[in-house]
Each structure stands twice: as C-alpha cells, then as structure tokens.
C-alpha cells in the first residue's frame, strides 16, 4: 500500500507510535510518506520505502498567526496526488483529522481514504475544550476509519462525543528486538556510580504527567534505599521539577537527560519505572520499560490498567498518592527476587500482547477494511458465513 502518515513531530506518545509504525510498515514493503512540519523525533536513518515531506508554513503580515492547518491540508493533498496514496493515516484528531478531510475534499474522487488514530489528550483534554469539541467530533465522524489506543479511550470517545461510527481498539506496541533488558550498551556505573538503585521517568513533562510527584517519590525512597532518578524528556514542567529537587535536597540524585531518541539505552538499566500521571490513555513509556523487564509503579487511572497488571507486572496506586508509590518502590527495591519476577512477567506480557509484529498486522487489516469499505464487524460476519458454507 501507499500510505501517508501525519503526526506531531515533538516528544510524545502519538509521534513515537506514528514513527515506529511507519518504520514497521516500510519493512513490510509498503511505501510510507510522512507529512509534518518537522521530521518526527524517532524517524532518524534512511529507508528506501520512507519519504518525508515538510510542511512549509508561509508567514504573511495579514496573518496574526501562521495558517499551519491550511498549509498542512494543502501539503497532504499534494503528496496524496503526486504519490497516488491509497490512504492517509493521521495521528491525533486535532488538527490532523480536519486537515486530512480538507485534503480529501480538494482531491474529490481521487482522494485517499482517511484513518484517524486517537491517542489521548486529543480526546481527554483538547477535545473537551468547548471551542474544539464540535470540530473534534466532526473530524472523527468524517474519517473513513477510526482507531483508539485503549479500550478506555474508545469508551470515553463514544460517551463524550456520541459518535455514531465504530472505533477499533489497536493498542500501542514496541519492537521487542530493540527494547529488552540486554539491549542497552550504557554503563550502569555511569548512571549510578555508587551502586545506587535506578528509578526512571520518561515524558513530555506536561502538568498531566505530575513530574513533581516523581521527585517527591525519589526523596522518600532515598531516605531508606540509596537511589538516583533519571528524568528523560523535556517540557514545561522541567524547570519547576529541577527547583523542587533542589528544595528537597535531592538535586544531586536527579539527572535530567533531556530528549532521547534511543530510550532503550536507559530503560534497560533501570530498576523501577515511575508513572504517576493524572491520566494516561495508554502509557507507551510504561510499555517500553516493561519490555526491558522493568516493573512499573503508576497511577490507577485511564488506560494504564490495560498495560500494567497490578501486583503482577508492577503496582497501580491512586493518583497523587505519593506515600503509597514510595512504599511500593521501597518494597521492590529491597526484595530483589520479587522485583525480578515482576520484571520477567512484564517482559512476557509485552511480548505476548504488545509486540510490533502483532499490532502492525492489526493496522494492516484495518487499512484493508477501510479500503474495501467494510468494518471489523462486517469482516467477522463474512468470515463466519464463509466457515458455515464450508
């Protein structure tokens, strides 16, 4: 197939999944064309089946703000026409689904089909803003296929937006050949020179991630178990998190590593992963940690319980319960046998349910149904009918 992919190129789960999906599709021989204002942050390297098309947003004195959405729609239409795309797969509803719809309208009968994947804050945060609610709903309804990364997100979309179309749940995934306990070439001694235990957090440092809770958990854990904290990523809460670490007297225990493309360099060396988010529609970073055999201690909220099995692959605690999170961390850091058992269970869960081979195939089947104009329910009925006839 000839597939166009549009995503936010910045640090975040939707861009990471879109980039990894594009690379996996290219390895299967599909022609993949990324359309964005910057190269997605995990799309480095050369692949003969991948092309990047940059959106050039023209500034003009008449416009108070550059018209990015219109420029994106025009570029999507241009690439669709020039590359004879079969479908456009947009990640994040706003503005990508709307830009894709406009591109379809520009091309008429020659337009590719449009698939929209909902990732989280496009529904739970941005879409809930009354100024974006109707256009978010419109973009979902006008897409030819819609997927969501968790059952939680699919239910919330159906309940909040009252959409009439089917939403197929296709979870996030990891390439287990890249994310494993033995894949890291980073020297653990460079991260924990005095044999401290290593805690890890990765995010875009937005308020919903509650990065201050991560610092507070470290401070409590470090009272009993010498530990260091690796903070991977960047965003608006970084400066305040650094200030909090200084106030709590643990600044020398926290390393802010900034944006990292090869996150497996750090996940493979961590002892525990912390994810105290207010809400996670899925929790891709938790999945990446689990793939490396690292237990996750996170919030019992949103779609994270679909990823982390409480008491088996990690622990889930109420949002904001720093004391419980710290207690669970100490519990595992002082019981190496149980920590390793949970890590092994986490690795097996990822390999069995969230591996790239399985999930990318689900996307391919979804594309095929969209191009054929059928739904998953239609395909199931047809398959059952065929079996009955045989």
Protein backbone atom coordinates (compact mmCIF):
# COMPACT_ATOMS: atom_id res chain seq x y z
CA UNK A 1 0.00 0.00 0.00
CA UNK A 2 0.96 3.66 -0.40
CA UNK A 3 0.37 5.28 2.97
CA UNK A 4 0.64 8.88 4.16
CA UNK A 5 1.26 9.46 7.87
CA UNK A 6 0.81 12.76 9.70
CA UNK A 7 1.72 13.23 13.36
CA UNK A 8 3.14 15.77 15.77
CA UNK A 9 6.93 15.51 15.43
CA UNK A 10 7.59 16.56 19.03
CA UNK A 11 8.30 14.33 22.02
CA UNK A 12 5.21 12.36 22.96
CA UNK A 13 3.49 9.02 22.59
CA UNK A 14 1.50 9.79 19.45
CA UNK A 15 4.56 10.89 17.48
CA UNK A 16 6.62 7.96 18.74
CA UNK A 17 3.97 5.42 17.76
CA UNK A 18 3.44 7.03 14.35
CA UNK A 19 7.16 6.98 13.59
CA UNK A 20 7.59 3.38 14.73
CA UNK A 21 4.50 2.31 12.79
CA UNK A 22 5.86 3.94 9.65
CA UNK A 23 9.18 2.15 10.02
CA UNK A 24 7.50 -1.19 10.59
CA UNK A 25 5.23 -0.72 7.58
CA UNK A 26 8.23 0.20 5.43
CA UNK A 27 9.99 -3.02 6.49
CA UNK A 28 6.97 -4.90 5.17
CA UNK A 29 7.36 -3.25 1.77
CA UNK A 30 4.71 -0.54 1.99
CA UNK A 31 5.51 2.93 0.66
CA UNK A 32 5.28 5.37 3.57
CA UNK A 33 5.15 9.17 3.26
CA UNK A 34 5.40 11.31 6.39
CA UNK A 35 3.83 14.78 6.17
CA UNK A 36 4.68 17.16 9.00
CA UNK A 37 6.33 20.49 9.75
CA UNK A 38 9.43 18.70 11.09
CA UNK A 39 10.96 15.24 10.93
CA UNK A 40 9.32 13.13 13.69
CA UNK A 41 11.70 12.67 16.60
CA UNK A 42 12.04 8.89 16.19
CA UNK A 43 12.33 8.80 12.42
CA UNK A 44 16.09 9.08 12.01
CA UNK A 45 18.05 7.00 9.49
CA UNK A 46 17.46 6.07 5.88
CA UNK A 47 14.87 3.69 4.49
CA UNK A 48 14.15 3.43 0.77
CA UNK A 49 10.44 2.95 1.49
CA UNK A 50 10.09 6.10 3.65
CA UNK A 51 9.87 9.70 2.41
CA UNK A 52 9.47 12.85 4.45
CA UNK A 53 7.50 15.82 3.10
CA UNK A 54 7.93 19.03 5.07
CA UNK A 55 5.03 21.42 5.52
CA UNK A 56 6.19 24.94 4.75
CA UNK A 57 4.10 27.46 6.66
CA UNK A 58 4.32 30.86 4.99
CA UNK A 59 4.29 33.95 7.17
CA UNK A 60 2.43 36.97 5.88
CA UNK A 61 1.75 40.29 7.57
CA UNK A 62 -2.00 39.84 7.18
CA UNK A 63 -1.94 36.72 9.36
CA UNK A 64 -1.52 37.24 13.08
CA UNK A 65 -0.76 33.50 13.35
CA UNK A 66 0.76 31.33 10.58
CA UNK A 67 -2.00 29.20 8.96
CA UNK A 68 -0.41 25.82 9.74
CA UNK A 69 -3.61 23.80 9.42
CA UNK A 70 -4.32 25.04 5.90
CA UNK A 71 -0.71 24.55 4.84
CA UNK A 72 -0.84 21.00 6.21
CA UNK A 73 -4.05 20.21 4.32
CA UNK A 74 -2.55 21.57 1.09
CA UNK A 75 0.62 19.51 1.54
CA UNK A 76 -1.38 16.37 2.34
CA UNK A 77 -3.39 16.87 -0.84
CA UNK A 78 -0.23 17.50 -2.87
CA UNK A 79 1.55 14.38 -1.58
CA UNK A 80 -1.60 12.28 -1.99
CA UNK A 81 -1.92 13.33 -5.62
CA UNK A 82 1.77 13.11 -6.55
CA UNK A 83 2.38 9.79 -4.80
CA UNK A 84 -1.03 8.24 -5.60
CA UNK A 85 -1.60 7.47 -1.93
CA UNK A 86 -4.14 4.83 -1.02
CA UNK A 87 -4.81 6.27 2.41
CA UNK A 88 -3.84 8.96 4.88
CA UNK A 89 -3.27 7.85 8.46
CA UNK A 90 -3.37 10.78 10.86
CA UNK A 91 -2.36 10.55 14.50
CA UNK A 92 -4.17 12.88 16.89
CA UNK A 93 -7.58 14.22 15.99
CA UNK A 94 -6.87 17.97 16.04
CA UNK A 95 -5.95 19.36 13.60
CA UNK A 96 -4.80 16.32 11.63
CA UNK A 97 -8.18 14.69 11.02
CA UNK A 98 -9.59 18.01 9.83
CA UNK A 99 -6.58 18.65 7.58
CA UNK A 100 -7.00 15.16 6.15
CA UNK A 101 -10.68 15.78 5.48
CA UNK A 102 -9.86 19.05 3.70
CA UNK A 103 -7.26 17.25 1.57
CA UNK A 104 -9.89 14.70 0.59
CA UNK A 105 -12.30 17.46 -0.40
CA UNK A 106 -9.63 19.12 -2.53
CA UNK A 107 -8.94 15.91 -4.43
CA UNK A 108 -12.50 14.72 -4.94
CA UNK A 109 -12.87 11.23 -6.39
CA UNK A 110 -9.09 10.78 -6.49
CA UNK A 111 -8.75 11.27 -2.73
CA UNK A 112 -7.20 8.62 -0.50
CA UNK A 113 -9.14 7.15 2.39
CA UNK A 114 -8.66 8.72 5.83
CA UNK A 115 -7.79 6.82 9.02
CA UNK A 116 -7.61 8.68 12.34
CA UNK A 117 -5.92 7.26 15.43
CA UNK A 118 -6.91 8.77 18.77
CA UNK A 119 -4.06 8.84 21.25
CA UNK A 120 -5.29 10.54 24.40
CA UNK A 121 -5.19 14.23 25.10
CA UNK A 122 -6.80 14.93 21.73
CA UNK A 123 -9.91 13.48 23.41
CA UNK A 124 -9.34 13.83 27.16
CA UNK A 125 -8.00 17.39 27.12
CA UNK A 126 -8.04 19.29 23.81
CA UNK A 127 -11.30 17.77 22.59
CA UNK A 128 -13.02 18.64 25.88
CA UNK A 129 -12.40 22.34 25.31
CA UNK A 130 -15.73 23.72 24.11
CA UNK A 131 -14.03 25.64 21.32
CA UNK A 132 -12.68 22.36 19.88
CA UNK A 133 -15.44 19.93 20.83
CA UNK A 134 -17.58 20.14 17.68
CA UNK A 135 -14.68 20.12 15.25
CA UNK A 136 -13.11 17.16 17.04
CA UNK A 137 -16.37 15.26 16.74
CA UNK A 138 -16.65 16.27 13.08
CA UNK A 139 -13.15 15.01 12.30
CA UNK A 140 -13.87 11.64 13.91
CA UNK A 141 -17.21 11.24 12.12
CA UNK A 142 -15.79 12.14 8.70
CA UNK A 143 -12.83 9.74 8.95
CA UNK A 144 -13.19 6.51 6.97
CA UNK A 145 -11.65 4.54 9.81
CA UNK A 146 -11.01 5.38 13.46
CA UNK A 147 -8.80 3.58 15.95
CA UNK A 148 -8.02 4.23 19.62
CA UNK A 149 -5.01 3.03 21.59
CA UNK A 150 -7.02 1.65 24.54
CA UNK A 151 -10.48 0.46 25.48
CA UNK A 152 -10.64 3.30 27.98
CA UNK A 153 -10.08 5.89 25.25
CA UNK A 154 -12.55 4.27 22.86
CA UNK A 155 -15.26 4.23 25.55
CA UNK A 156 -14.56 7.82 26.55
CA UNK A 157 -14.75 8.97 22.93
CA UNK A 158 -18.06 7.20 22.38
CA UNK A 159 -19.52 8.51 25.64
CA UNK A 160 -18.29 12.10 25.47
CA UNK A 161 -18.67 12.78 21.74
CA UNK A 162 -21.60 10.48 20.99
CA UNK A 163 -20.05 9.43 17.69
CA UNK A 164 -22.00 7.07 15.50
CA UNK A 165 -19.12 5.27 13.84
CA UNK A 166 -17.15 2.24 15.04
CA UNK A 167 -13.85 2.77 16.86
CA UNK A 168 -11.43 -0.13 16.70
CA UNK A 169 -9.02 -0.56 19.60
CA UNK A 170 -5.47 -1.15 18.38
CA UNK A 171 -3.03 -0.75 21.29
CA UNK A 172 0.41 0.78 21.18
CA UNK A 173 3.35 -1.52 20.64
CA UNK A 174 7.11 -1.86 20.93
CA UNK A 175 9.76 -3.52 18.83
CA UNK A 176 10.82 -6.20 21.31
CA UNK A 177 14.07 -6.74 19.43
CA UNK A 178 15.09 -3.20 20.42
CA UNK A 179 13.52 -2.97 23.86
CA UNK A 180 14.94 -5.69 26.06
CA UNK A 181 16.96 -5.93 29.25
CA UNK A 182 20.17 -6.79 27.39
CA UNK A 183 19.88 -4.22 24.59
CA UNK A 184 21.39 -1.28 26.45
CA UNK A 185 25.07 -0.54 25.89
CA UNK A 186 25.02 2.18 28.57
CA UNK A 187 27.29 1.53 31.56
CA UNK A 188 25.21 1.32 34.72
CA UNK A 189 28.13 2.68 36.74
CA UNK A 190 27.96 5.91 34.77
CA UNK A 191 24.35 6.35 35.90
CA UNK A 192 24.76 5.11 39.47
CA UNK A 193 28.45 5.41 40.38
CA UNK A 194 27.96 4.27 43.99
CA UNK A 195 25.76 1.26 43.13
CA UNK A 196 22.55 3.16 43.87
CA UNK A 197 19.22 1.81 42.65
CA UNK A 198 17.98 3.50 39.47
CA UNK A 199 14.49 4.96 39.15
CA UNK A 200 13.32 6.16 35.74
CA UNK A 201 10.67 8.51 34.36
CA UNK A 202 10.14 9.45 30.70
CA UNK A 203 7.61 12.00 29.45
CA UNK A 204 6.95 15.35 27.82
CA UNK A 205 6.94 17.00 31.27
CA UNK A 206 3.45 18.41 30.91
CA UNK A 207 1.30 19.00 34.02
CA UNK A 208 -0.76 15.86 33.39
CA UNK A 209 2.41 13.76 33.90
CA UNK A 210 2.79 15.01 37.51
CA UNK A 211 6.59 15.08 37.34
CA UNK A 212 6.74 16.76 40.76
CA UNK A 213 5.34 13.54 42.23
CA UNK A 214 8.26 11.66 40.70
CA UNK A 215 10.73 13.92 42.51
CA UNK A 216 8.85 13.53 45.80
CA UNK A 217 8.82 9.75 45.46
CA UNK A 218 12.57 9.72 44.95
CA UNK A 219 13.08 11.88 48.05
CA UNK A 220 11.11 9.42 50.19
CA UNK A 221 12.69 6.30 48.71
CA UNK A 222 16.19 7.72 49.07
CA UNK A 223 15.74 8.03 52.85
CA UNK A 224 15.99 4.24 53.15
CA UNK A 225 17.35 3.00 49.82
CA UNK A 226 20.17 4.98 48.14
CA UNK A 227 18.76 5.77 44.72
CA UNK A 228 19.15 8.01 41.70
CA UNK A 229 16.43 9.23 39.37
CA UNK A 230 16.76 9.55 35.61
CA UNK A 231 14.35 12.05 34.04
CA UNK A 232 14.19 11.55 30.27
CA UNK A 233 12.34 14.10 28.15
CA UNK A 234 11.61 17.78 28.20
CA UNK A 235 8.69 20.14 28.53
CA UNK A 236 7.08 22.97 30.51
CA UNK A 237 7.43 21.36 33.95
CA UNK A 238 11.17 20.69 33.74
CA UNK A 239 12.35 23.92 35.36
CA UNK A 240 9.92 23.63 38.30
CA UNK A 241 10.89 19.97 38.78
CA UNK A 242 14.54 20.96 38.96
CA UNK A 243 13.69 23.65 41.51
CA UNK A 244 11.72 21.13 43.60
CA UNK A 245 14.67 18.72 43.58
CA UNK A 246 16.87 21.50 44.96
CA UNK A 247 14.34 22.39 47.67
CA UNK A 248 14.06 18.76 48.76
CA UNK A 249 17.83 18.35 48.85
CA UNK A 250 17.97 15.64 46.16
CA UNK A 251 19.27 17.66 43.22
CA UNK A 252 22.46 15.59 43.22
CA UNK A 253 20.32 12.45 42.94
CA UNK A 254 18.34 13.55 39.88
CA UNK A 255 19.72 13.59 36.35
CA UNK A 256 17.71 15.46 33.73
CA UNK A 257 18.78 13.82 30.48
CA UNK A 258 16.61 15.80 28.05
CA UNK A 259 15.09 14.39 24.91
CA UNK A 260 16.44 10.96 23.96
CA UNK A 261 15.51 9.04 20.83
CA UNK A 262 17.05 5.73 21.93
CA UNK A 263 15.18 5.39 25.23
CA UNK A 264 16.12 1.72 25.46
CA UNK A 265 19.59 2.92 26.46
CA UNK A 266 18.10 3.86 29.83
CA UNK A 267 15.14 1.54 30.29
CA UNK A 268 17.47 -1.43 30.12
CA UNK A 269 19.42 -0.17 33.14
CA UNK A 270 16.55 0.95 35.38
CA UNK A 271 15.32 -0.94 38.44
CA UNK A 272 11.88 0.69 38.55
CA UNK A 273 9.78 2.90 36.28
CA UNK A 274 7.58 5.64 37.78
CA UNK A 275 4.49 6.96 36.00
CA UNK A 276 2.26 8.96 38.42
CA UNK A 277 0.22 10.68 35.67
CA UNK A 278 -3.13 12.31 36.30
CA UNK A 279 -4.41 10.34 33.32
CA UNK A 280 -2.81 8.01 30.79
CA UNK A 281 -4.86 6.91 27.81
CA UNK A 282 -2.37 4.10 27.31
CA UNK A 283 1.11 4.64 28.73
CA UNK A 284 3.63 3.91 25.97
CA UNK A 285 6.62 4.73 28.15
CA UNK A 286 5.45 2.14 30.69
CA UNK A 287 5.25 -0.42 27.89
CA UNK A 288 8.82 0.40 26.83
CA UNK A 289 10.04 -0.09 30.40
CA UNK A 290 8.15 -3.37 30.76
CA UNK A 291 9.70 -4.67 27.54
CA UNK A 292 13.08 -4.28 29.23
CA UNK A 293 11.95 -6.24 32.28
CA UNK A 294 11.38 -3.18 34.47
CA UNK A 295 8.37 -3.19 36.85
CA UNK A 296 6.14 -0.12 36.66
CA UNK A 297 4.67 1.81 39.56
CA UNK A 298 1.98 4.07 38.19
CA UNK A 299 -1.44 5.64 38.62
CA UNK A 300 -4.57 3.54 38.61
CA UNK A 301 -6.17 5.79 36.02
CA UNK A 302 -7.26 5.78 32.39
CA UNK A 303 -5.85 3.09 30.17
CA UNK A 304 -2.78 2.26 32.26
CA UNK A 305 -4.52 -0.73 33.95
CA UNK A 306 -4.79 -2.24 30.45
CA UNK A 307 -0.99 -2.21 30.28
CA UNK A 308 0.18 -2.80 33.86
CA UNK A 309 -1.30 -5.71 35.82
CA UNK A 310 -1.39 -4.61 39.46
CA UNK A 311 0.64 -6.93 41.67
CA UNK A 312 1.97 -8.90 38.69
CA UNK A 313 3.94 -6.58 36.40
CA UNK A 314 4.07 -3.64 38.79
CA UNK A 315 1.80 -1.70 41.10
CA UNK A 316 -1.00 0.80 40.50
CA UNK A 317 -1.93 3.36 43.16
CA UNK A 318 -4.45 6.22 43.33
CA UNK A 319 -3.46 9.44 41.56
CA UNK A 320 -1.45 11.69 43.86
CA UNK A 321 -0.78 9.01 46.48
CA UNK A 322 2.94 9.69 46.78
CA UNK A 323 3.32 7.77 50.04
CA UNK A 324 1.89 4.57 48.55
CA UNK A 325 4.01 4.92 45.44
CA UNK A 326 7.15 5.38 47.53
CA UNK A 327 6.23 2.44 49.77
CA UNK A 328 5.74 0.16 46.77
CA UNK A 329 9.07 1.32 45.34
CA UNK A 330 10.88 0.55 48.59
CA UNK A 331 9.15 -2.81 48.75
CA UNK A 332 10.51 -3.89 45.37
CA UNK A 333 13.93 -2.30 45.74
CA UNK A 334 14.52 -4.26 48.95
CA UNK A 335 13.22 -7.56 47.56
CA UNK A 336 15.31 -8.33 44.51
CA UNK A 337 13.70 -11.71 43.89
CA UNK A 338 10.22 -10.23 43.64
CA UNK A 339 11.44 -7.29 41.57
CA UNK A 340 12.99 -9.66 39.05
CA UNK A 341 9.87 -11.85 38.98
CA UNK A 342 7.69 -8.82 38.25
CA UNK A 343 10.12 -7.65 35.59
CA UNK A 344 10.07 -11.03 33.88
CA UNK A 345 6.25 -11.05 33.96
CA UNK A 346 6.22 -7.55 32.46
CA UNK A 347 8.52 -8.63 29.65
CA UNK A 348 6.34 -11.65 28.86
CA UNK A 349 3.19 -9.52 28.81
CA UNK A 350 4.69 -7.13 26.27
CA UNK A 351 5.99 -9.96 24.11
CA UNK A 352 2.63 -11.76 24.12
CA UNK A 353 0.25 -8.82 23.73
CA UNK A 354 2.02 -5.68 22.54
CA UNK A 355 4.74 -6.76 20.13
CA UNK A 356 5.19 -4.89 16.86
CA UNK A 357 4.62 -7.93 14.65
CA UNK A 358 1.15 -8.48 16.07
CA UNK A 359 -0.04 -4.89 16.32
CA UNK A 360 1.25 -3.69 12.93
CA UNK A 361 -0.65 -6.60 11.36
CA UNK A 362 -3.80 -5.29 13.05
CA UNK A 363 -3.18 -1.91 11.42
CA UNK A 364 -2.72 -3.56 8.03
CA UNK A 365 -6.02 -5.40 8.41
CA UNK A 366 -7.71 -2.13 9.43
CA UNK A 367 -6.31 -0.41 6.34
CA UNK A 368 -7.59 -3.22 4.13
CA UNK A 369 -11.09 -2.95 5.59
CA UNK A 370 -11.10 0.83 5.14
CA UNK A 371 -10.02 0.50 1.51
CA UNK A 372 -12.67 -2.15 0.94
CA UNK A 373 -15.34 -0.05 2.64
CA UNK A 374 -16.09 -2.65 5.32
CA UNK A 375 -15.91 -2.66 9.11
CA UNK A 376 -14.42 -5.17 11.51
CA UNK A 377 -17.95 -6.38 12.28
CA UNK A 378 -18.62 -6.89 8.56
CA UNK A 379 -15.39 -8.84 8.20
CA UNK A 380 -16.29 -11.05 11.18
CA UNK A 381 -19.75 -11.79 9.75
CA UNK A 382 -18.28 -12.58 6.33
CA UNK A 383 -15.68 -14.88 7.86
CA UNK A 384 -18.33 -16.70 9.89
CA UNK A 385 -20.53 -17.08 6.81
CA UNK A 386 -17.62 -18.49 4.81
CA UNK A 387 -16.85 -21.02 7.51
CA UNK A 388 -20.50 -22.07 7.68
CA UNK A 389 -20.58 -22.53 3.91
CA UNK A 390 -17.53 -24.75 4.05
